Amino acid sequence: MPPAVLTREEVVARVMAVVRQRGYDGASLSELSKATGLGKSSLYHHFPDGKDDMVGAVIGHLEASLETAVFAPLRSAGQPAARLQAMTATLDGFYYGGREACVLAILGIGDASRRFHPRVKKLFRAWIDAIASALRDAGLSKPLAQARAEDAIVRIEGALVLARSLGEPAIFGRTLKALPDDLLRR
């Protein structure tokens, strides 16, 4: 029986998993081919510019996913505390409780940084702006909301790195649990 045909979304998800595990530089075409079940020629058929095109598709997937699941809810109506708690719950799921790396962070270092910097920067800025929006709605001044939003990203990303490095995902969970109250503190 022939292998099942993957949708583009499934292929992109598998590429993202390899980038999460191996980084941009370590995500060889052989690894990507193995993960997707597509031969190298098939990968080039779907992604004519090779690995950069594949990673560009991953970033596009992240842009859409983060906008829908994280940014838009942070900017929506409703209690700011509930919006921040929804963000942390979403992130907990997205990073598998602190067991998975942040693809944006991975793409912000090494050779990938030079290639994808504008898009990664735009996503981090959008995330900061969305958090700051919720904090302003809670009555924080614009400068304080901005500073705390930046701090939130530092804490989230730092907790991911530490949790993975120590093999202690609970670090990430504790950070997420404390984050909404800490951000809203007067």
C-alpha atoms as a PDB file:
ATOM      1  CA  MET A   1       0.000   0.000   0.000  1.00  0.00           C
ATOM      2  CA  PRO A   2       1.464   3.447  -0.884  1.00  0.00           C
ATOM      3  CA  PRO A   3       2.260   5.836   1.964  1.00  0.00           C
ATOM      4  CA  ALA A   4      -0.383   8.354   2.944  1.00  0.00           C
ATOM      5  CA  VAL A   5      -0.029  11.743   1.312  1.00  0.00           C
ATOM      6  CA  LEU A   6       0.631  14.515   3.804  1.00  0.00           C
ATOM      7  CA  THR A   7      -1.029  17.883   3.570  1.00  0.00           C
ATOM      8  CA  ARG A   8       1.206  20.936   3.342  1.00  0.00           C
ATOM      9  CA  GLU A   9       0.264  21.764   6.945  1.00  0.00           C
ATOM     10  CA  GLU A  10       1.401  18.326   8.081  1.00  0.00           C
ATOM     11  CA  VAL A  11       4.681  18.687   6.208  1.00  0.00           C
ATOM     12  CA  VAL A  12       5.256  22.135   7.752  1.00  0.00           C
ATOM     13  CA  ALA A  13       4.482  20.753  11.230  1.00  0.00           C
ATOM     14  CA  ARG A  14       7.052  17.998  10.726  1.00  0.00           C
ATOM     15  CA  VAL A  15       9.628  20.484   9.463  1.00  0.00           C
ATOM     16  CA  MET A  16       8.955  22.619  12.537  1.00  0.00           C
ATOM     17  CA  ALA A  17       9.519  19.603  14.793  1.00  0.00           C
ATOM     18  CA  VAL A  18      12.930  18.993  13.211  1.00  0.00           C
ATOM     19  CA  VAL A  19      13.906  22.666  13.548  1.00  0.00           C
ATOM     20  CA  ARG A  20      12.813  22.581  17.207  1.00  0.00           C
ATOM     21  CA  GLN A  21      14.964  19.526  17.862  1.00  0.00           C
ATOM     22  CA  ARG A  22      18.012  20.251  15.741  1.00  0.00           C
ATOM     23  CA  GLY A  23      17.999  23.993  15.095  1.00  0.00           C
ATOM     24  CA  TYR A  24      18.208  25.561  11.668  1.00  0.00           C
ATOM     25  CA  ASP A  25      21.780  24.504  10.978  1.00  0.00           C
ATOM     26  CA  GLY A  26      21.181  20.941  12.187  1.00  0.00           C
ATOM     27  CA  ALA A  27      18.015  20.499  10.157  1.00  0.00           C
ATOM     28  CA  SER A  28      19.647  18.834   7.163  1.00  0.00           C
ATOM     29  CA  LEU A  29      17.698  17.930   4.056  1.00  0.00           C
ATOM     30  CA  SER A  30      18.216  14.277   4.995  1.00  0.00           C
ATOM     31  CA  GLU A  31      16.615  14.870   8.412  1.00  0.00           C
ATOM     32  CA  LEU A  32      13.778  16.864   6.866  1.00  0.00           C
ATOM     33  CA  SER A  33      13.222  14.189   4.226  1.00  0.00           C
ATOM     34  CA  LYS A  34      13.113  11.478   6.883  1.00  0.00           C
ATOM     35  CA  ALA A  35      10.709  13.458   9.101  1.00  0.00           C
ATOM     36  CA  THR A  36       8.300  14.292   6.294  1.00  0.00           C
ATOM     37  CA  GLY A  37       8.547  11.000   4.442  1.00  0.00           C
ATOM     38  CA  LEU A  38       9.255  12.956   1.262  1.00  0.00           C
ATOM     39  CA  GLY A  39      12.290  12.416  -0.913  1.00  0.00           C
ATOM     40  CA  LYS A  40      14.636  15.336  -1.393  1.00  0.00           C
ATOM     41  CA  SER A  41      13.292  15.950  -4.898  1.00  0.00           C
ATOM     42  CA  SER A  42       9.731  16.040  -3.540  1.00  0.00           C
ATOM     43  CA  LEU A  43      10.794  18.499  -0.859  1.00  0.00           C
ATOM     44  CA  TYR A  44      12.255  20.750  -3.553  1.00  0.00           C
ATOM     45  CA  HIS A  45       9.062  20.377  -5.569  1.00  0.00           C
ATOM     46  CA  HIS A  46       7.025  21.697  -2.613  1.00  0.00           C
ATOM     47  CA  PHE A  47       9.710  24.129  -1.431  1.00  0.00           C
ATOM     48  CA  PRO A  48      11.701  25.309  -4.498  1.00  0.00           C
ATOM     49  CA  ASP A  49      14.109  27.414  -2.433  1.00  0.00           C
ATOM     50  CA  GLY A  50      14.992  24.447  -0.237  1.00  0.00           C
ATOM     51  CA  LYS A  51      15.425  24.689   3.496  1.00  0.00           C
ATOM     52  CA  ASP A  52      14.937  28.465   3.588  1.00  0.00           C
ATOM     53  CA  ASP A  53      11.570  28.024   1.885  1.00  0.00           C
ATOM     54  CA  MET A  54      10.627  25.278   4.363  1.00  0.00           C
ATOM     55  CA  VAL A  55      11.584  27.394   7.352  1.00  0.00           C
ATOM     56  CA  GLY A  56       9.767  30.354   5.807  1.00  0.00           C
ATOM     57  CA  ALA A  57       6.657  28.173   5.715  1.00  0.00           C
ATOM     58  CA  VAL A  58       7.228  27.303   9.393  1.00  0.00           C
ATOM     59  CA  ILE A  59       7.410  31.008  10.244  1.00  0.00           C
ATOM     60  CA  GLY A  60       4.236  31.610   8.238  1.00  0.00           C
ATOM     61  CA  HIS A  61       2.535  28.863  10.228  1.00  0.00           C
ATOM     62  CA  LEU A  62       3.760  30.450  13.478  1.00  0.00           C
ATOM     63  CA  GLU A  63       2.566  33.895  12.377  1.00  0.00           C
ATOM     64  CA  ALA A  64      -0.940  32.594  11.732  1.00  0.00           C
ATOM     65  CA  SER A  65      -1.066  30.371  14.819  1.00  0.00           C
ATOM     66  CA  LEU A  66       0.241  32.997  17.217  1.00  0.00           C
ATOM     67  CA  GLU A  67      -2.059  35.670  15.819  1.00  0.00           C
ATOM     68  CA  THR A  68      -5.101  33.454  16.265  1.00  0.00           C
ATOM     69  CA  ALA A  69      -4.238  31.711  19.534  1.00  0.00           C
ATOM     70  CA  VAL A  70      -2.196  34.322  21.417  1.00  0.00           C
ATOM     71  CA  PHE A  71      -2.105  37.856  19.994  1.00  0.00           C
ATOM     72  CA  ALA A  72      -5.761  38.386  19.051  1.00  0.00           C
ATOM     73  CA  PRO A  73      -7.059  37.053  22.397  1.00  0.00           C
ATOM     74  CA  LEU A  74      -4.648  39.344  24.263  1.00  0.00           C
ATOM     75  CA  ARG A  75      -6.019  42.336  22.317  1.00  0.00           C
ATOM     76  CA  SER A  76      -9.666  41.293  22.644  1.00  0.00           C
ATOM     77  CA  ALA A  77     -12.318  42.483  25.057  1.00  0.00           C
ATOM     78  CA  GLY A  78     -12.550  40.910  28.458  1.00  0.00           C
ATOM     79  CA  GLN A  79     -10.729  41.020  31.732  1.00  0.00           C
ATOM     80  CA  PRO A  80      -6.964  41.537  31.252  1.00  0.00           C
ATOM     81  CA  ALA A  81      -6.160  38.894  33.881  1.00  0.00           C
ATOM     82  CA  ALA A  82      -8.256  36.322  32.009  1.00  0.00           C
ATOM     83  CA  ARG A  83      -6.590  37.258  28.714  1.00  0.00           C
ATOM     84  CA  LEU A  84      -3.122  36.813  30.243  1.00  0.00           C
ATOM     85  CA  GLN A  85      -4.124  33.504  31.827  1.00  0.00           C
ATOM     86  CA  ALA A  86      -5.426  32.318  28.455  1.00  0.00           C
ATOM     87  CA  MET A  87      -2.057  33.233  26.912  1.00  0.00           C
ATOM     88  CA  THR A  88      -0.135  31.236  29.515  1.00  0.00           C
ATOM     89  CA  ALA A  89      -2.438  28.224  29.091  1.00  0.00           C
ATOM     90  CA  THR A  90      -1.957  28.362  25.325  1.00  0.00           C
ATOM     91  CA  LEU A  91       1.820  28.631  25.691  1.00  0.00           C
ATOM     92  CA  ASP A  92       1.886  25.737  28.141  1.00  0.00           C
ATOM     93  CA  GLY A  93       0.214  23.586  25.513  1.00  0.00           C
ATOM     94  CA  PHE A  94       2.276  24.916  22.632  1.00  0.00           C
ATOM     95  CA  TYR A  95       5.562  24.210  24.419  1.00  0.00           C
ATOM     96  CA  TYR A  96       4.312  20.910  25.867  1.00  0.00           C
ATOM     97  CA  GLY A  97       4.672  22.064  29.436  1.00  0.00           C
ATOM     98  CA  GLY A  98       8.199  23.388  28.881  1.00  0.00           C
ATOM     99  CA  ARG A  99       9.491  20.269  27.117  1.00  0.00           C
ATOM    100  CA  GLU A 100       9.769  21.851  23.662  1.00  0.00           C
ATOM    101  CA  ALA A 101      11.981  24.685  22.468  1.00  0.00           C
ATOM    102  CA  CYS A 102      10.734  27.961  21.066  1.00  0.00           C
ATOM    103  CA  VAL A 103      11.161  27.941  17.299  1.00  0.00           C
ATOM    104  CA  LEU A 104      11.368  31.752  17.260  1.00  0.00           C
ATOM    105  CA  ALA A 105      14.275  31.664  19.702  1.00  0.00           C
ATOM    106  CA  ILE A 106      16.021  28.997  17.642  1.00  0.00           C
ATOM    107  CA  LEU A 107      15.574  31.060  14.479  1.00  0.00           C
ATOM    108  CA  GLY A 108      16.968  34.098  16.264  1.00  0.00           C
ATOM    109  CA  ILE A 109      20.477  32.621  16.556  1.00  0.00           C
ATOM    110  CA  GLY A 110      23.184  31.398  14.220  1.00  0.00           C
ATOM    111  CA  ASP A 111      22.835  31.421  10.466  1.00  0.00           C
ATOM    112  CA  ALA A 112      19.053  31.447  10.761  1.00  0.00           C
ATOM    113  CA  SER A 113      19.149  34.844  12.452  1.00  0.00           C
ATOM    114  CA  ARG A 114      20.679  36.471   9.398  1.00  0.00           C
ATOM    115  CA  ARG A 115      18.124  34.870   7.111  1.00  0.00           C
ATOM    116  CA  PHE A 116      14.939  35.277   9.139  1.00  0.00           C
ATOM    117  CA  HIS A 117      15.624  38.213  11.468  1.00  0.00           C
ATOM    118  CA  PRO A 118      12.944  40.591  10.110  1.00  0.00           C
ATOM    119  CA  ARG A 119      10.152  38.043  10.449  1.00  0.00           C
ATOM    120  CA  VAL A 120      11.259  36.791  13.863  1.00  0.00           C
ATOM    121  CA  LYS A 121      11.626  40.363  15.109  1.00  0.00           C
ATOM    122  CA  LYS A 122       8.143  41.206  13.812  1.00  0.00           C
ATOM    123  CA  LEU A 123       6.631  38.249  15.673  1.00  0.00           C
ATOM    124  CA  PHE A 124       8.335  39.110  18.949  1.00  0.00           C
ATOM    125  CA  ARG A 125       7.236  42.761  18.562  1.00  0.00           C
ATOM    126  CA  ALA A 126       3.652  41.674  17.894  1.00  0.00           C
ATOM    127  CA  TRP A 127       3.729  39.480  20.996  1.00  0.00           C
ATOM    128  CA  ILE A 128       5.104  42.304  23.149  1.00  0.00           C
ATOM    129  CA  ASP A 129       2.513  44.718  21.750  1.00  0.00           C
ATOM    130  CA  ALA A 130      -0.333  42.279  22.417  1.00  0.00           C
ATOM    131  CA  ILE A 131       0.727  41.761  26.039  1.00  0.00           C
ATOM    132  CA  ALA A 132       1.189  45.514  26.493  1.00  0.00           C
ATOM    133  CA  SER A 133      -2.329  46.065  25.131  1.00  0.00           C
ATOM    134  CA  ALA A 134      -3.810  43.821  27.818  1.00  0.00           C
ATOM    135  CA  LEU A 135      -1.719  45.561  30.480  1.00  0.00           C
ATOM    136  CA  ARG A 136      -2.823  49.025  29.329  1.00  0.00           C
ATOM    137  CA  ASP A 137      -6.425  47.818  29.492  1.00  0.00           C
ATOM    138  CA  ALA A 138      -5.704  46.897  33.115  1.00  0.00           C
ATOM    139  CA  GLY A 139      -4.760  50.520  33.796  1.00  0.00           C
ATOM    140  CA  LEU A 140      -0.975  50.381  33.551  1.00  0.00           C
ATOM    141  CA  SER A 141       0.727  53.334  31.908  1.00  0.00           C
ATOM    142  CA  LYS A 142       2.023  52.843  28.386  1.00  0.00           C
ATOM    143  CA  PRO A 143       5.731  52.837  29.450  1.00  0.00           C
ATOM    144  CA  LEU A 144       5.109  50.421  32.328  1.00  0.00           C
ATOM    145  CA  ALA A 145       2.949  48.144  30.159  1.00  0.00           C
ATOM    146  CA  GLN A 146       5.685  48.076  27.502  1.00  0.00           C
ATOM    147  CA  ALA A 147       8.433  47.296  30.027  1.00  0.00           C
ATOM    148  CA  ARG A 148       6.415  44.532  31.659  1.00  0.00           C
ATOM    149  CA  ALA A 149       5.474  43.042  28.293  1.00  0.00           C
ATOM    150  CA  GLU A 150       9.145  42.865  27.338  1.00  0.00           C
ATOM    151  CA  ASP A 151       9.903  41.317  30.736  1.00  0.00           C
ATOM    152  CA  ALA A 152       7.165  38.745  30.141  1.00  0.00           C
ATOM    153  CA  ILE A 153       8.851  37.547  26.955  1.00  0.00           C
ATOM    154  CA  VAL A 154      12.223  37.408  28.706  1.00  0.00           C
ATOM    155  CA  ARG A 155      10.703  35.323  31.495  1.00  0.00           C
ATOM    156  CA  ILE A 156       8.855  32.987  29.133  1.00  0.00           C
ATOM    157  CA  GLU A 157      11.841  32.413  26.859  1.00  0.00           C
ATOM    158  CA  GLY A 158      14.281  32.169  29.768  1.00  0.00           C
ATOM    159  CA  ALA A 159      12.061  29.670  31.551  1.00  0.00           C
ATOM    160  CA  LEU A 160      11.930  27.538  28.406  1.00  0.00           C
ATOM    161  CA  VAL A 161      15.704  27.528  28.086  1.00  0.00           C
ATOM    162  CA  LEU A 162      16.254  26.730  31.765  1.00  0.00           C
ATOM    163  CA  ALA A 163      13.519  24.073  31.910  1.00  0.00           C
ATOM    164  CA  ARG A 164      14.923  22.276  28.885  1.00  0.00           C
ATOM    165  CA  SER A 165      18.547  22.677  29.926  1.00  0.00           C
ATOM    166  CA  LEU A 166      17.938  21.267  33.400  1.00  0.00           C
ATOM    167  CA  GLY A 167      15.360  18.741  32.261  1.00  0.00           C
ATOM    168  CA  GLU A 168      12.901  20.279  34.718  1.00  0.00           C
ATOM    169  CA  PRO A 169       9.776  21.413  32.846  1.00  0.00           C
ATOM    170  CA  ALA A 170       8.134  22.436  36.133  1.00  0.00           C
ATOM    171  CA  ILE A 171      10.273  25.593  35.974  1.00  0.00           C
ATOM    172  CA  PHE A 172       8.319  26.668  32.920  1.00  0.00           C
ATOM    173  CA  GLY A 173       5.010  25.834  34.584  1.00  0.00           C
ATOM    174  CA  ARG A 174       5.849  27.881  37.683  1.00  0.00           C
ATOM    175  CA  THR A 175       6.853  30.832  35.535  1.00  0.00           C
ATOM    176  CA  LEU A 176       3.625  30.726  33.556  1.00  0.00           C
ATOM    177  CA  LYS A 177       1.521  30.366  36.692  1.00  0.00           C
ATOM    178  CA  ALA A 178       3.049  33.447  38.346  1.00  0.00           C
ATOM    179  CA  LEU A 179       3.236  35.591  35.225  1.00  0.00           C
ATOM    180  CA  PRO A 180      -0.293  37.079  34.969  1.00  0.00           C
ATOM    181  CA  ASP A 181      -0.360  38.281  38.587  1.00  0.00           C
ATOM    182  CA  ASP A 182       3.197  39.585  38.377  1.00  0.00           C
ATOM    183  CA  LEU A 183       2.440  41.540  35.212  1.00  0.00           C
ATOM    184  CA  LEU A 184      -0.703  43.109  36.672  1.00  0.00           C
ATOM    185  CA  ARG A 185       0.840  43.939  40.054  1.00  0.00           C
ATOM    186  CA  ARG A 186       0.451  47.624  40.979  1.00  0.00           C
END
